[in-house]
Every structure is written in C-alpha cells, then in structure tokens.
PDB file of N, CA and C in Angstrom:
ATOM      1  N   MET A   1      47.849  12.466   8.878  1.00  0.00           N
ATOM      2  CA  MET A   1      47.284  11.160   8.842  1.00  0.00           C
ATOM      3  C   MET A   1      46.445  10.872  10.065  1.00  0.00           C
ATOM      4  N   ASP A   2      45.624   9.921   9.879  1.00  0.00           N
ATOM      5  CA  ASP A   2      44.801   9.502  11.016  1.00  0.00           C
ATOM      6  C   ASP A   2      45.648   8.877  12.126  1.00  0.00           C
ATOM      7  N   ALA A   3      45.262   9.001  13.370  1.00  0.00           N
ATOM      8  CA  ALA A   3      46.002   8.461  14.465  1.00  0.00           C
ATOM      9  C   ALA A   3      46.183   6.944  14.430  1.00  0.00           C
ATOM     10  N   ASP A   4      45.269   6.298  13.732  1.00  0.00           N
ATOM     11  CA  ASP A   4      45.324   4.794  13.611  1.00  0.00           C
ATOM     12  C   ASP A   4      46.104   4.358  12.330  1.00  0.00           C
ATOM     13  N   HIS A   5      46.586   5.312  11.587  1.00  0.00           N
ATOM     14  CA  HIS A   5      47.405   5.032  10.374  1.00  0.00           C
ATOM     15  C   HIS A   5      48.596   4.105  10.668  1.00  0.00           C
ATOM     16  N   ALA A   6      48.953   3.292   9.836  1.00  0.00           N
ATOM     17  CA  ALA A   6      50.129   2.399   9.976  1.00  0.00           C
ATOM     18  C   ALA A   6      51.458   3.182  10.128  1.00  0.00           C
ATOM     19  N   LEU A   7      51.547   4.379   9.595  1.00  0.00           N
ATOM     20  CA  LEU A   7      52.738   5.199   9.672  1.00  0.00           C
ATOM     21  C   LEU A   7      52.747   6.202  10.905  1.00  0.00           C
ATOM     22  N   ALA A   8      51.678   6.225  11.605  1.00  0.00           N
ATOM     23  CA  ALA A   8      51.473   7.185  12.705  1.00  0.00           C
ATOM     24  C   ALA A   8      52.514   7.013  13.810  1.00  0.00           C
ATOM     25  N   LYS A   9      52.920   5.811  14.097  1.00  0.00           N
ATOM     26  CA  LYS A   9      53.771   5.567  15.281  1.00  0.00           C
ATOM     27  C   LYS A   9      55.270   5.286  14.877  1.00  0.00           C
ATOM     28  N   THR A  10      55.558   5.488  13.605  1.00  0.00           N
ATOM     29  CA  THR A  10      56.951   5.228  13.207  1.00  0.00           C
ATOM     30  C   THR A  10      57.501   6.464  12.498  1.00  0.00           C
ATOM     31  N   PRO A  11      58.753   6.600  12.429  1.00  0.00           N
ATOM     32  CA  PRO A  11      59.342   7.711  11.654  1.00  0.00           C
ATOM     33  C   PRO A  11      58.941   7.625  10.228  1.00  0.00           C
ATOM     34  N   LEU A  12      58.638   8.772   9.601  1.00  0.00           N
ATOM     35  CA  LEU A  12      58.184   8.803   8.234  1.00  0.00           C
ATOM     36  C   LEU A  12      59.386   8.777   7.277  1.00  0.00           C
ATOM     37  N   SER A  13      59.405   7.778   6.397  1.00  0.00           N
ATOM     38  CA  SER A  13      60.487   7.668   5.402  1.00  0.00           C
ATOM     39  C   SER A  13      59.871   8.081   4.083  1.00  0.00           C
ATOM     40  N   ILE A  14      60.754   8.329   3.091  1.00  0.00           N
ATOM     41  CA  ILE A  14      60.302   8.658   1.754  1.00  0.00           C
ATOM     42  C   ILE A  14      59.556   7.459   1.157  1.00  0.00           C
ATOM     43  N   GLU A  15      60.075   6.255   1.451  1.00  0.00           N
ATOM     44  CA  GLU A  15      59.443   5.054   0.925  1.00  0.00           C
ATOM     45  C   GLU A  15      58.043   4.863   1.495  1.00  0.00           C
ATOM     46  N   GLY A  16      57.878   5.107   2.794  1.00  0.00           N
ATOM     47  CA  GLY A  16      56.582   5.017   3.418  1.00  0.00           C
ATOM     48  C   GLY A  16      55.608   6.063   2.868  1.00  0.00           C
ATOM     49  N   TYR A  17      56.161   7.299   2.750  1.00  0.00           N
ATOM     50  CA  TYR A  17      55.328   8.427   2.267  1.00  0.00           C
ATOM     51  C   TYR A  17      54.806   8.128   0.826  1.00  0.00           C
ATOM     52  N   LEU A  18      55.657   7.559  -0.038  1.00  0.00           N
ATOM     53  CA  LEU A  18      55.217   7.344  -1.380  1.00  0.00           C
ATOM     54  C   LEU A  18      54.427   6.000  -1.554  1.00  0.00           C
ATOM     55  N   SER A  19      54.479   5.134  -0.557  1.00  0.00           N
ATOM     56  CA  SER A  19      53.787   3.847  -0.655  1.00  0.00           C
ATOM     57  C   SER A  19      52.292   3.974  -0.467  1.00  0.00           C
ATOM     58  N   TYR A  20      51.863   5.044   0.149  1.00  0.00           N
ATOM     59  CA  TYR A  20      50.445   5.273   0.466  1.00  0.00           C
ATOM     60  C   TYR A  20      49.819   6.259  -0.542  1.00  0.00           C
ATOM     61  N   GLN A  21      48.516   6.156  -0.653  1.00  0.00           N
ATOM     62  CA  GLN A  21      47.791   7.084  -1.517  1.00  0.00           C
ATOM     63  C   GLN A  21      47.573   8.400  -0.818  1.00  0.00           C
ATOM     64  N   HIS A  22      47.420   9.509  -1.560  1.00  0.00           N
ATOM     65  CA  HIS A  22      47.346  10.819  -1.059  1.00  0.00           C
ATOM     66  C   HIS A  22      46.101  11.531  -1.438  1.00  0.00           C
ATOM     67  N   ILE A  23      45.799  12.569  -0.647  1.00  0.00           N
ATOM     68  CA  ILE A  23      44.705  13.496  -0.942  1.00  0.00           C
ATOM     69  C   ILE A  23      45.247  14.702  -1.560  1.00  0.00           C
ATOM     70  N   GLY A  24      44.765  15.057  -2.755  1.00  0.00           N
ATOM     71  CA  GLY A  24      45.173  16.299  -3.472  1.00  0.00           C
ATOM     72  C   GLY A  24      44.231  17.383  -3.159  1.00  0.00           C
ATOM     73  N   ILE A  25      44.711  18.622  -3.357  1.00  0.00           N
ATOM     74  CA  ILE A  25      43.857  19.821  -3.206  1.00  0.00           C
ATOM     75  C   ILE A  25      43.728  20.440  -4.645  1.00  0.00           C
ATOM     76  N   LEU A  26      42.431  20.621  -5.104  1.00  0.00           N
ATOM     77  CA  LEU A  26      42.229  21.192  -6.354  1.00  0.00           C
ATOM     78  C   LEU A  26      42.489  22.710  -6.293  1.00  0.00           C
ATOM     79  N   ASP A  27      43.303  23.233  -7.159  1.00  0.00           N
ATOM     80  CA  ASP A  27      43.487  24.735  -7.241  1.00  0.00           C
ATOM     81  C   ASP A  27      43.734  25.007  -8.707  1.00  0.00           C
ATOM     82  N   LYS A  28      42.663  25.439  -9.401  1.00  0.00           N
ATOM     83  CA  LYS A  28      42.806  25.643 -10.872  1.00  0.00           C
ATOM     84  C   LYS A  28      43.651  26.922 -11.068  1.00  0.00           C
ATOM     85  N   ASP A  29      43.813  27.772 -10.130  1.00  0.00           N
ATOM     86  CA  ASP A  29      44.576  29.082 -10.327  1.00  0.00           C
ATOM     87  C   ASP A  29      46.066  28.906 -10.110  1.00  0.00           C
ATOM     88  N   LEU A  30      46.481  27.902  -9.386  1.00  0.00           N
ATOM     89  CA  LEU A  30      47.937  27.750  -9.121  1.00  0.00           C
ATOM     90  C   LEU A  30      48.481  26.532  -9.898  1.00  0.00           C
ATOM     91  N   SER A  31      49.757  26.604 -10.154  1.00  0.00           N
ATOM     92  CA  SER A  31      50.397  25.491 -10.808  1.00  0.00           C
ATOM     93  C   SER A  31      50.763  24.453  -9.724  1.00  0.00           C
ATOM     94  N   GLU A  32      51.507  23.465 -10.100  1.00  0.00           N
ATOM     95  CA  GLU A  32      51.930  22.443  -9.183  1.00  0.00           C
ATOM     96  C   GLU A  32      52.710  23.058  -8.050  1.00  0.00           C
ATOM     97  N   PRO A  33      52.399  22.618  -6.759  1.00  0.00           N
ATOM     98  CA  PRO A  33      53.054  23.191  -5.602  1.00  0.00           C
ATOM     99  C   PRO A  33      54.593  22.845  -5.664  1.00  0.00           C
ATOM    100  N   TYR A  34      55.359  23.760  -5.084  1.00  0.00           N
ATOM    101  CA  TYR A  34      56.851  23.652  -5.071  1.00  0.00           C
ATOM    102  C   TYR A  34      57.257  22.338  -4.471  1.00  0.00           C
ATOM    103  N   PHE A  35      56.687  21.973  -3.364  1.00  0.00           N
ATOM    104  CA  PHE A  35      57.104  20.634  -2.713  1.00  0.00           C
ATOM    105  C   PHE A  35      56.875  19.493  -3.685  1.00  0.00           C
ATOM    106  N   GLU A  36      55.738  19.607  -4.442  1.00  0.00           N
ATOM    107  CA  GLU A  36      55.425  18.495  -5.327  1.00  0.00           C
ATOM    108  C   GLU A  36      56.434  18.411  -6.483  1.00  0.00           C
ATOM    109  N   GLN A  37      56.810  19.566  -6.953  1.00  0.00           N
ATOM    110  CA  GLN A  37      57.869  19.545  -8.049  1.00  0.00           C
ATOM    111  C   GLN A  37      59.157  19.009  -7.527  1.00  0.00           C
ATOM    112  N   ASN A  38      59.526  19.383  -6.385  1.00  0.00           N
ATOM    113  CA  ASN A  38      60.817  18.901  -5.734  1.00  0.00           C
ATOM    114  C   ASN A  38      60.752  17.428  -5.485  1.00  0.00           C
ATOM    115  N   LEU A  39      59.645  16.945  -4.917  1.00  0.00           N
ATOM    116  CA  LEU A  39      59.409  15.462  -4.636  1.00  0.00           C
ATOM    117  C   LEU A  39      59.578  14.708  -5.950  1.00  0.00           C
ATOM    118  N   THR A  40      58.934  15.108  -6.973  1.00  0.00           N
ATOM    119  CA  THR A  40      58.946  14.447  -8.233  1.00  0.00           C
ATOM    120  C   THR A  40      60.332  14.337  -8.820  1.00  0.00           C
ATOM    121  N   GLN A  41      61.098  15.479  -8.718  1.00  0.00           N
ATOM    122  CA  GLN A  41      62.429  15.485  -9.227  1.00  0.00           C
ATOM    123  C   GLN A  41      63.388  14.617  -8.399  1.00  0.00           C
ATOM    124  N   GLN A  42      63.211  14.619  -7.147  1.00  0.00           N
ATOM    125  CA  GLN A  42      64.159  13.821  -6.264  1.00  0.00           C
ATOM    126  C   GLN A  42      63.799  12.411  -6.091  1.00  0.00           C
ATOM    127  N   HIS A  43      62.490  12.075  -5.936  1.00  0.00           N
ATOM    128  CA  HIS A  43      62.066  10.760  -5.556  1.00  0.00           C
ATOM    129  C   HIS A  43      60.965  10.071  -6.361  1.00  0.00           C
ATOM    130  N   GLY A  44      60.232  10.807  -7.103  1.00  0.00           N
ATOM    131  CA  GLY A  44      59.098  10.287  -7.849  1.00  0.00           C
ATOM    132  C   GLY A  44      57.797  10.967  -7.365  1.00  0.00           C
ATOM    133  N   SER A  45      56.757  10.624  -8.083  1.00  0.00           N
ATOM    134  CA  SER A  45      55.392  11.310  -7.807  1.00  0.00           C
ATOM    135  C   SER A  45      54.624  10.584  -6.732  1.00  0.00           C
ATOM    136  N   ARG A  46      53.811  11.312  -6.071  1.00  0.00           N
ATOM    137  CA  ARG A  46      52.790  10.742  -5.090  1.00  0.00           C
ATOM    138  C   ARG A  46      51.674  10.131  -5.925  1.00  0.00           C
ATOM    139  N   LYS A  47      50.992   9.158  -5.265  1.00  0.00           N
ATOM    140  CA  LYS A  47      49.794   8.628  -5.855  1.00  0.00           C
ATOM    141  C   LYS A  47      48.623   9.305  -5.299  1.00  0.00           C
ATOM    142  N   VAL A  48      47.996  10.230  -5.962  1.00  0.00           N
ATOM    143  CA  VAL A  48      46.888  11.028  -5.523  1.00  0.00           C
ATOM    144  C   VAL A  48      45.637  10.152  -5.803  1.00  0.00           C
ATOM    145  N   ALA A  49      44.910   9.732  -4.752  1.00  0.00           N
ATOM    146  CA  ALA A  49      43.717   8.910  -4.913  1.00  0.00           C
ATOM    147  C   ALA A  49      42.489   9.689  -5.125  1.00  0.00           C
ATOM    148  N   VAL A  50      42.439  10.850  -4.512  1.00  0.00           N
ATOM    149  CA  VAL A  50      41.232  11.735  -4.626  1.00  0.00           C
ATOM    150  C   VAL A  50      41.724  13.189  -4.442  1.00  0.00           C
ATOM    151  N   SER A  51      41.035  14.105  -5.124  1.00  0.00           N
ATOM    152  CA  SER A  51      41.305  15.558  -4.987  1.00  0.00           C
ATOM    153  C   SER A  51      40.069  16.211  -4.481  1.00  0.00           C
ATOM    154  N   VAL A  52      40.189  17.079  -3.530  1.00  0.00           N
ATOM    155  CA  VAL A  52      39.028  17.881  -2.932  1.00  0.00           C
ATOM    156  C   VAL A  52      39.353  19.333  -3.089  1.00  0.00           C
ATOM    157  N   ALA A  53      38.355  20.105  -2.685  1.00  0.00           N
ATOM    158  CA  ALA A  53      38.400  21.534  -2.921  1.00  0.00           C
ATOM    159  C   ALA A  53      39.171  22.328  -1.908  1.00  0.00           C
ATOM    160  N   ASP A  54      39.245  21.817  -0.688  1.00  0.00           N
ATOM    161  CA  ASP A  54      40.035  22.606   0.347  1.00  0.00           C
ATOM    162  C   ASP A  54      40.668  21.620   1.373  1.00  0.00           C
ATOM    163  N   PHE A  55      41.549  22.222   2.168  1.00  0.00           N
ATOM    164  CA  PHE A  55      42.208  21.455   3.235  1.00  0.00           C
ATOM    165  C   PHE A  55      41.306  20.894   4.270  1.00  0.00           C
ATOM    166  N   GLY A  56      40.264  21.658   4.598  1.00  0.00           N
ATOM    167  CA  GLY A  56      39.317  21.182   5.601  1.00  0.00           C
ATOM    168  C   GLY A  56      38.630  19.890   5.201  1.00  0.00           C
ATOM    169  N   ALA A  57      38.179  19.845   3.966  1.00  0.00           N
ATOM    170  CA  ALA A  57      37.547  18.587   3.425  1.00  0.00           C
ATOM    171  C   ALA A  57      38.574  17.521   3.373  1.00  0.00           C
ATOM    172  N   ALA A  58      39.821  17.775   2.975  1.00  0.00           N
ATOM    173  CA  ALA A  58      40.857  16.814   2.947  1.00  0.00           C
ATOM    174  C   ALA A  58      41.130  16.228   4.382  1.00  0.00           C
ATOM    175  N   ALA A  59      41.152  17.068   5.367  1.00  0.00           N
ATOM    176  CA  ALA A  59      41.389  16.638   6.704  1.00  0.00           C
ATOM    177  C   ALA A  59      40.299  15.686   7.237  1.00  0.00           C
ATOM    178  N   VAL A  60      39.081  16.093   6.913  1.00  0.00           N
ATOM    179  CA  VAL A  60      37.936  15.212   7.340  1.00  0.00           C
ATOM    180  C   VAL A  60      38.074  13.832   6.637  1.00  0.00           C
ATOM    181  N   LEU A  61      38.432  13.816   5.346  1.00  0.00           N
ATOM    182  CA  LEU A  61      38.716  12.550   4.666  1.00  0.00           C
ATOM    183  C   LEU A  61      39.781  11.769   5.214  1.00  0.00           C
ATOM    184  N   CYS A  62      40.838  12.443   5.743  1.00  0.00           N
ATOM    185  CA  CYS A  62      41.984  11.826   6.371  1.00  0.00           C
ATOM    186  C   CYS A  62      41.539  11.012   7.636  1.00  0.00           C
ATOM    187  N   HIS A  63      40.563  11.524   8.346  1.00  0.00           N
ATOM    188  CA  HIS A  63      40.068  10.899   9.558  1.00  0.00           C
ATOM    189  C   HIS A  63      39.441   9.548   9.260  1.00  0.00           C
ATOM    190  N   ASN A  64      39.015   9.376   7.991  1.00  0.00           N
ATOM    191  CA  ASN A  64      38.165   8.148   7.695  1.00  0.00           C
ATOM    192  C   ASN A  64      38.878   7.222   6.683  1.00  0.00           C
ATOM    193  N   THR A  65      40.151   7.493   6.283  1.00  0.00           N
ATOM    194  CA  THR A  65      40.833   6.698   5.278  1.00  0.00           C
ATOM    195  C   THR A  65      42.314   6.530   5.758  1.00  0.00           C
ATOM    196  N   ASP A  66      43.042   5.740   4.995  1.00  0.00           N
ATOM    197  CA  ASP A  66      44.452   5.678   5.246  1.00  0.00           C
ATOM    198  C   ASP A  66      45.217   6.563   4.260  1.00  0.00           C
ATOM    199  N   TYR A  67      44.577   7.504   3.618  1.00  0.00           N
ATOM    200  CA  TYR A  67      45.219   8.486   2.733  1.00  0.00           C
ATOM    201  C   TYR A  67      46.048   9.479   3.538  1.00  0.00           C
ATOM    202  N   LEU A  68      47.066   9.977   2.933  1.00  0.00           N
ATOM    203  CA  LEU A  68      47.910  11.014   3.526  1.00  0.00           C
ATOM    204  C   LEU A  68      47.548  12.394   3.006  1.00  0.00           C
ATOM    205  N   LEU A  69      47.625  13.403   3.849  1.00  0.00           N
ATOM    206  CA  LEU A  69      47.418  14.767   3.486  1.00  0.00           C
ATOM    207  C   LEU A  69      48.662  15.586   3.671  1.00  0.00           C
ATOM    208  N   THR A  70      49.153  16.328   2.704  1.00  0.00           N
ATOM    209  CA  THR A  70      50.268  17.170   2.831  1.00  0.00           C
ATOM    210  C   THR A  70      49.757  18.620   2.869  1.00  0.00           C
ATOM    211  N   CYS A  71      50.165  19.342   3.961  1.00  0.00           N
ATOM    212  CA  CYS A  71      49.721  20.731   4.114  1.00  0.00           C
ATOM    213  C   CYS A  71      50.738  21.488   4.943  1.00  0.00           C
ATOM    214  N   SER A  72      50.537  22.779   5.119  1.00  0.00           N
ATOM    215  CA  SER A  72      51.518  23.570   5.892  1.00  0.00           C
ATOM    216  C   SER A  72      51.381  23.201   7.330  1.00  0.00           C
ATOM    217  N   LYS A  73      52.468  23.297   8.055  1.00  0.00           N
ATOM    218  CA  LYS A  73      52.541  23.008   9.483  1.00  0.00           C
ATOM    219  C   LYS A  73      51.609  23.996  10.264  1.00  0.00           C
ATOM    220  N   MET A  74      51.586  25.231   9.830  1.00  0.00           N
ATOM    221  CA  MET A  74      50.718  26.217  10.454  1.00  0.00           C
ATOM    222  C   MET A  74      49.258  25.800  10.375  1.00  0.00           C
ATOM    223  N   TRP A  75      48.835  25.430   9.194  1.00  0.00           N
ATOM    224  CA  TRP A  75      47.466  25.046   8.971  1.00  0.00           C
ATOM    225  C   TRP A  75      47.092  23.757   9.857  1.00  0.00           C
ATOM    226  N   ALA A  76      47.963  22.877   9.860  1.00  0.00           N
ATOM    227  CA  ALA A  76      47.750  21.626  10.617  1.00  0.00           C
ATOM    228  C   ALA A  76      47.688  21.909  12.117  1.00  0.00           C
ATOM    229  N   GLU A  77      48.377  22.901  12.630  1.00  0.00           N
ATOM    230  CA  GLU A  77      48.364  23.174  14.028  1.00  0.00           C
ATOM    231  C   GLU A  77      47.121  24.069  14.382  1.00  0.00           C
ATOM    232  N   GLN A  78      46.568  24.777  13.497  1.00  0.00           N
ATOM    233  CA  GLN A  78      45.468  25.698  13.818  1.00  0.00           C
ATOM    234  C   GLN A  78      44.142  25.172  13.451  1.00  0.00           C
ATOM    235  N   ALA A  79      43.996  24.328  12.431  1.00  0.00           N
ATOM    236  CA  ALA A  79      42.670  23.976  11.877  1.00  0.00           C
ATOM    237  C   ALA A  79      41.969  22.972  12.785  1.00  0.00           C
ATOM    238  N   LEU A  80      40.684  23.294  13.069  1.00  0.00           N
ATOM    239  CA  LEU A  80      39.873  22.407  13.834  1.00  0.00           C
ATOM    240  C   LEU A  80      39.704  21.041  13.157  1.00  0.00           C
ATOM    241  N   GLN A  81      39.647  21.025  11.825  1.00  0.00           N
ATOM    242  CA  GLN A  81      39.485  19.739  11.091  1.00  0.00           C
ATOM    243  C   GLN A  81      40.757  18.869  11.287  1.00  0.00           C
ATOM    244  N   ALA A  82      41.891  19.433  11.643  1.00  0.00           N
ATOM    245  CA  ALA A  82      43.108  18.674  11.726  1.00  0.00           C
ATOM    246  C   ALA A  82      43.324  18.094  13.190  1.00  0.00           C
ATOM    247  N   GLN A  83      42.393  18.454  14.123  1.00  0.00           N
ATOM    248  CA  GLN A  83      42.576  18.030  15.459  1.00  0.00           C
ATOM    249  C   GLN A  83      42.491  16.520  15.475  1.00  0.00           C
ATOM    250  N   SER A  84      43.391  15.873  16.206  1.00  0.00           N
ATOM    251  CA  SER A  84      43.467  14.439  16.423  1.00  0.00           C
ATOM    252  C   SER A  84      44.144  13.704  15.200  1.00  0.00           C
ATOM    253  N   LEU A  85      44.506  14.443  14.186  1.00  0.00           N
ATOM    254  CA  LEU A  85      45.336  13.846  13.135  1.00  0.00           C
ATOM    255  C   LEU A  85      46.783  13.879  13.550  1.00  0.00           C
ATOM    256  N   VAL A  86      47.593  13.041  13.026  1.00  0.00           N
ATOM    257  CA  VAL A  86      49.030  12.997  13.374  1.00  0.00           C
ATOM    258  C   VAL A  86      49.742  13.751  12.309  1.00  0.00           C
ATOM    259  N   SER A  87      50.606  14.699  12.728  1.00  0.00           N
ATOM    260  CA  SER A  87      51.350  15.571  11.818  1.00  0.00           C
ATOM    261  C   SER A  87      52.824  15.152  11.898  1.00  0.00           C
ATOM    262  N   LYS A  88      53.367  15.032  10.738  1.00  0.00           N
ATOM    263  CA  LYS A  88      54.859  14.680  10.673  1.00  0.00           C
ATOM    264  C   LYS A  88      55.518  15.524   9.605  1.00  0.00           C
ATOM    265  N   PRO A  89      56.768  15.815   9.757  1.00  0.00           N
ATOM    266  CA  PRO A  89      57.435  16.633   8.711  1.00  0.00           C
ATOM    267  C   PRO A  89      57.621  15.789   7.418  1.00  0.00           C
ATOM    268  N   LEU A  90      57.712  16.374   6.302  1.00  0.00           N
ATOM    269  CA  LEU A  90      57.977  15.665   5.039  1.00  0.00           C
ATOM    270  C   LEU A  90      59.252  14.919   5.152  1.00  0.00           C
ATOM    271  N   PRO A  91      59.399  13.760   4.601  1.00  0.00           N
ATOM    272  CA  PRO A  91      60.594  12.960   4.708  1.00  0.00           C
ATOM    273  C   PRO A  91      61.642  13.313   3.622  1.00  0.00           C
ATOM    274  N   PHE A  92      61.614  14.516   3.171  1.00  0.00           N
ATOM    275  CA  PHE A  92      62.635  14.954   2.192  1.00  0.00           C
ATOM    276  C   PHE A  92      62.784  16.474   2.346  1.00  0.00           C
ATOM    277  N   GLU A  93      63.927  16.991   1.945  1.00  0.00           N
ATOM    278  CA  GLU A  93      64.202  18.418   2.076  1.00  0.00           C
ATOM    279  C   GLU A  93      63.801  19.106   0.818  1.00  0.00           C
ATOM    280  N   TYR A  94      63.094  20.190   0.906  1.00  0.00           N
ATOM    281  CA  TYR A  94      62.706  20.896  -0.279  1.00  0.00           C
ATOM    282  C   TYR A  94      62.934  22.405  -0.176  1.00  0.00           C
ATOM    283  N   GLY A  95      63.646  22.818   0.855  1.00  0.00           N
ATOM    284  CA  GLY A  95      63.979  24.266   1.031  1.00  0.00           C
ATOM    285  C   GLY A  95      62.823  24.942   1.791  1.00  0.00           C
ATOM    286  N   LYS A  96      62.907  26.201   1.838  1.00  0.00           N
ATOM    287  CA  LYS A  96      61.907  27.028   2.532  1.00  0.00           C
ATOM    288  C   LYS A  96      61.132  27.887   1.582  1.00  0.00           C
ATOM    289  N   VAL A  97      59.819  27.862   1.642  1.00  0.00           N
ATOM    290  CA  VAL A  97      58.968  28.621   0.821  1.00  0.00           C
ATOM    291  C   VAL A  97      57.966  29.323   1.751  1.00  0.00           C
ATOM    292  N   ALA A  98      57.899  30.634   1.685  1.00  0.00           N
ATOM    293  CA  ALA A  98      56.943  31.405   2.513  1.00  0.00           C
ATOM    294  C   ALA A  98      55.609  31.592   1.801  1.00  0.00           C
ATOM    295  N   TYR A  99      55.664  31.990   0.600  1.00  0.00           N
ATOM    296  CA  TYR A  99      54.412  32.285  -0.192  1.00  0.00           C
ATOM    297  C   TYR A  99      54.701  31.942  -1.606  1.00  0.00           C
ATOM    298  N   SER A 100      53.623  31.599  -2.309  1.00  0.00           N
ATOM    299  CA  SER A 100      53.636  31.412  -3.744  1.00  0.00           C
ATOM    300  C   SER A 100      52.757  32.594  -4.347  1.00  0.00           C
ATOM    301  N   LEU A 101      53.270  33.261  -5.355  1.00  0.00           N
ATOM    302  CA  LEU A 101      52.474  34.294  -5.966  1.00  0.00           C
ATOM    303  C   LEU A 101      52.180  33.921  -7.404  1.00  0.00           C
ATOM    304  N   VAL A 102      50.990  34.234  -7.803  1.00  0.00           N
ATOM    305  CA  VAL A 102      50.599  33.999  -9.186  1.00  0.00           C
ATOM    306  C   VAL A 102      50.264  35.405  -9.754  1.00  0.00           C
ATOM    307  N   TRP A 103      50.893  35.710 -10.883  1.00  0.00           N
ATOM    308  CA  TRP A 103      50.674  36.979 -11.493  1.00  0.00           C
ATOM    309  C   TRP A 103      49.821  36.850 -12.730  1.00  0.00           C
ATOM    310  N   ASN A 104      48.805  37.550 -12.865  1.00  0.00           N
ATOM    311  CA  ASN A 104      48.010  37.673 -14.126  1.00  0.00           C
ATOM    312  C   ASN A 104      48.670  38.714 -14.973  1.00  0.00           C
ATOM    313  N   GLN A 105      49.206  38.366 -16.095  1.00  0.00           N
ATOM    314  CA  GLN A 105      49.931  39.338 -16.885  1.00  0.00           C
ATOM    315  C   GLN A 105      49.203  40.651 -17.119  1.00  0.00           C
ATOM    316  N   ALA A 106      47.887  40.503 -17.288  1.00  0.00           N
ATOM    317  CA  ALA A 106      47.090  41.777 -17.591  1.00  0.00           C
ATOM    318  C   ALA A 106      47.075  42.632 -16.351  1.00  0.00           C
ATOM    319  N   SER A 107      47.206  42.129 -15.095  1.00  0.00           N
ATOM    320  CA  SER A 107      47.175  42.942 -13.923  1.00  0.00           C
ATOM    321  C   SER A 107      48.405  43.795 -13.817  1.00  0.00           C
ATOM    322  N   LEU A 108      49.450  43.479 -14.585  1.00  0.00           N
ATOM    323  CA  LEU A 108      50.673  44.328 -14.554  1.00  0.00           C
ATOM    324  C   LEU A 108      50.456  45.638 -15.263  1.00  0.00           C
ATOM    325  N   ASN A 109      49.307  45.848 -15.846  1.00  0.00           N
ATOM    326  CA  ASN A 109      48.932  47.182 -16.460  1.00  0.00           C
ATOM    327  C   ASN A 109      48.656  48.171 -15.303  1.00  0.00           C
ATOM    328  N   ASP A 110      48.289  47.610 -14.121  1.00  0.00           N
ATOM    329  CA  ASP A 110      48.048  48.480 -12.999  1.00  0.00           C
ATOM    330  C   ASP A 110      49.374  48.968 -12.440  1.00  0.00           C
ATOM    331  N   PRO A 111      49.626  50.279 -12.359  1.00  0.00           N
ATOM    332  CA  PRO A 111      50.885  50.838 -11.889  1.00  0.00           C
ATOM    333  C   PRO A 111      51.309  50.322 -10.518  1.00  0.00           C
ATOM    334  N   ALA A 112      50.446  50.150  -9.569  1.00  0.00           N
ATOM    335  CA  ALA A 112      50.740  49.756  -8.241  1.00  0.00           C
ATOM    336  C   ALA A 112      51.151  48.217  -8.309  1.00  0.00           C
ATOM    337  N   LEU A 113      50.445  47.416  -8.969  1.00  0.00           N
ATOM    338  CA  LEU A 113      50.775  46.005  -9.084  1.00  0.00           C
ATOM    339  C   LEU A 113      52.084  45.806  -9.852  1.00  0.00           C
ATOM    340  N   SER A 114      52.258  46.569 -10.823  1.00  0.00           N
ATOM    341  CA  SER A 114      53.545  46.525 -11.603  1.00  0.00           C
ATOM    342  C   SER A 114      54.696  46.866 -10.740  1.00  0.00           C
ATOM    343  N   TRP A 115      54.571  47.914  -9.925  1.00  0.00           N
ATOM    344  CA  TRP A 115      55.672  48.328  -9.004  1.00  0.00           C
ATOM    345  C   TRP A 115      55.844  47.197  -8.000  1.00  0.00           C
ATOM    346  N   LEU A 116      54.823  46.622  -7.403  1.00  0.00           N
ATOM    347  CA  LEU A 116      54.999  45.520  -6.448  1.00  0.00           C
ATOM    348  C   LEU A 116      55.699  44.366  -7.055  1.00  0.00           C
ATOM    349  N   HIS A 117      55.336  44.011  -8.247  1.00  0.00           N
ATOM    350  CA  HIS A 117      55.966  42.894  -8.979  1.00  0.00           C
ATOM    351  C   HIS A 117      57.433  43.196  -9.244  1.00  0.00           C
ATOM    352  N   SER A 118      57.815  44.355  -9.583  1.00  0.00           N
ATOM    353  CA  SER A 118      59.218  44.702  -9.859  1.00  0.00           C
ATOM    354  C   SER A 118      59.986  44.621  -8.510  1.00  0.00           C
ATOM    355  N   GLN A 119      59.373  45.098  -7.423  1.00  0.00           N
ATOM    356  CA  GLN A 119      60.044  45.041  -6.112  1.00  0.00           C
ATOM    357  C   GLN A 119      60.305  43.608  -5.689  1.00  0.00           C
ATOM    358  N   LEU A 120      59.393  42.705  -5.933  1.00  0.00           N
ATOM    359  CA  LEU A 120      59.598  41.299  -5.584  1.00  0.00           C
ATOM    360  C   LEU A 120      60.577  40.653  -6.449  1.00  0.00           C
ATOM    361  N   ILE A 121      60.550  40.892  -7.709  1.00  0.00           N
ATOM    362  CA  ILE A 121      61.467  40.311  -8.690  1.00  0.00           C
ATOM    363  C   ILE A 121      62.941  40.729  -8.367  1.00  0.00           C
ATOM    364  N   ASN A 122      63.048  42.036  -7.980  1.00  0.00           N
ATOM    365  CA  ASN A 122      64.389  42.543  -7.759  1.00  0.00           C
ATOM    366  C   ASN A 122      64.913  42.502  -6.326  1.00  0.00           C
ATOM    367  N   SER A 123      64.212  41.719  -5.510  1.00  0.00           N
ATOM    368  CA  SER A 123      64.528  41.671  -4.042  1.00  0.00           C
ATOM    369  C   SER A 123      65.605  40.695  -3.751  1.00  0.00           C
ATOM    370  N   ASP A 124      66.174  39.995  -4.750  1.00  0.00           N
ATOM    371  CA  ASP A 124      67.233  38.995  -4.489  1.00  0.00           C
ATOM    372  C   ASP A 124      68.361  39.730  -3.783  1.00  0.00           C
TER     373      ASP A 124
END
C-alpha cells in the first residue's frame, strides 16, 4: 500500500484488508491463487477494483490510489516499483506455498515431463 494509505500506520486486520478495494493481477494461465481461495473460504472475497497485467504495473497504481496490492514478500522486497510502498503480512493464515504448478495434460506425453509430474505427485 502507499505510505499515505489509512492502513499504513496501523496493524492490518482482516476487516481493514477487506474494507478496501484491491488490485488484481490478470493471469489467464493460472487458476485462482491459493491465498485467494483460502481468504474466500475463511473470511469472504476481496473487492478487486482493477486488474492489471503484472505486479510492476500494480505497484505503480498502488502509489497513486488507496487500493491494496497482494504479492509475495520476496517480490515486494526486491522490486523497484515497490520501493516506498508499505508492506504488511496478510491478516490471516493460509499456510505455506512455495510454487504453484500448472500442468497441460498434453505435455504429459513427454516422458521427461511425465516423470517430473509423477515425482512431484508422489513426493508427499
């Protein structure tokens, strides 16, 4: 969020998080993010005011609005576009997720990809 945002100087609560509008990231290849699914199940949906193509554009928009942007901590710490934005942890627990993988069923015809898929599925 922008440093002048009303939530910037207070602890972030789920009520505060859901009371503001959000910036969504368009990704036609991926389904709904895990944190979004968890948020909706536990507390309700975010109000997405605008969707943009990437996190950089979203961060620039964050500088000029009171919209909230949800992204990874690593991206927020490294991205030049995120400099001078205020970063806070999400106000709800949703577990740990390292990566999301999307499999194109046809790609499993490739023996190497099929092997990798089976390794990941059986790694529990």
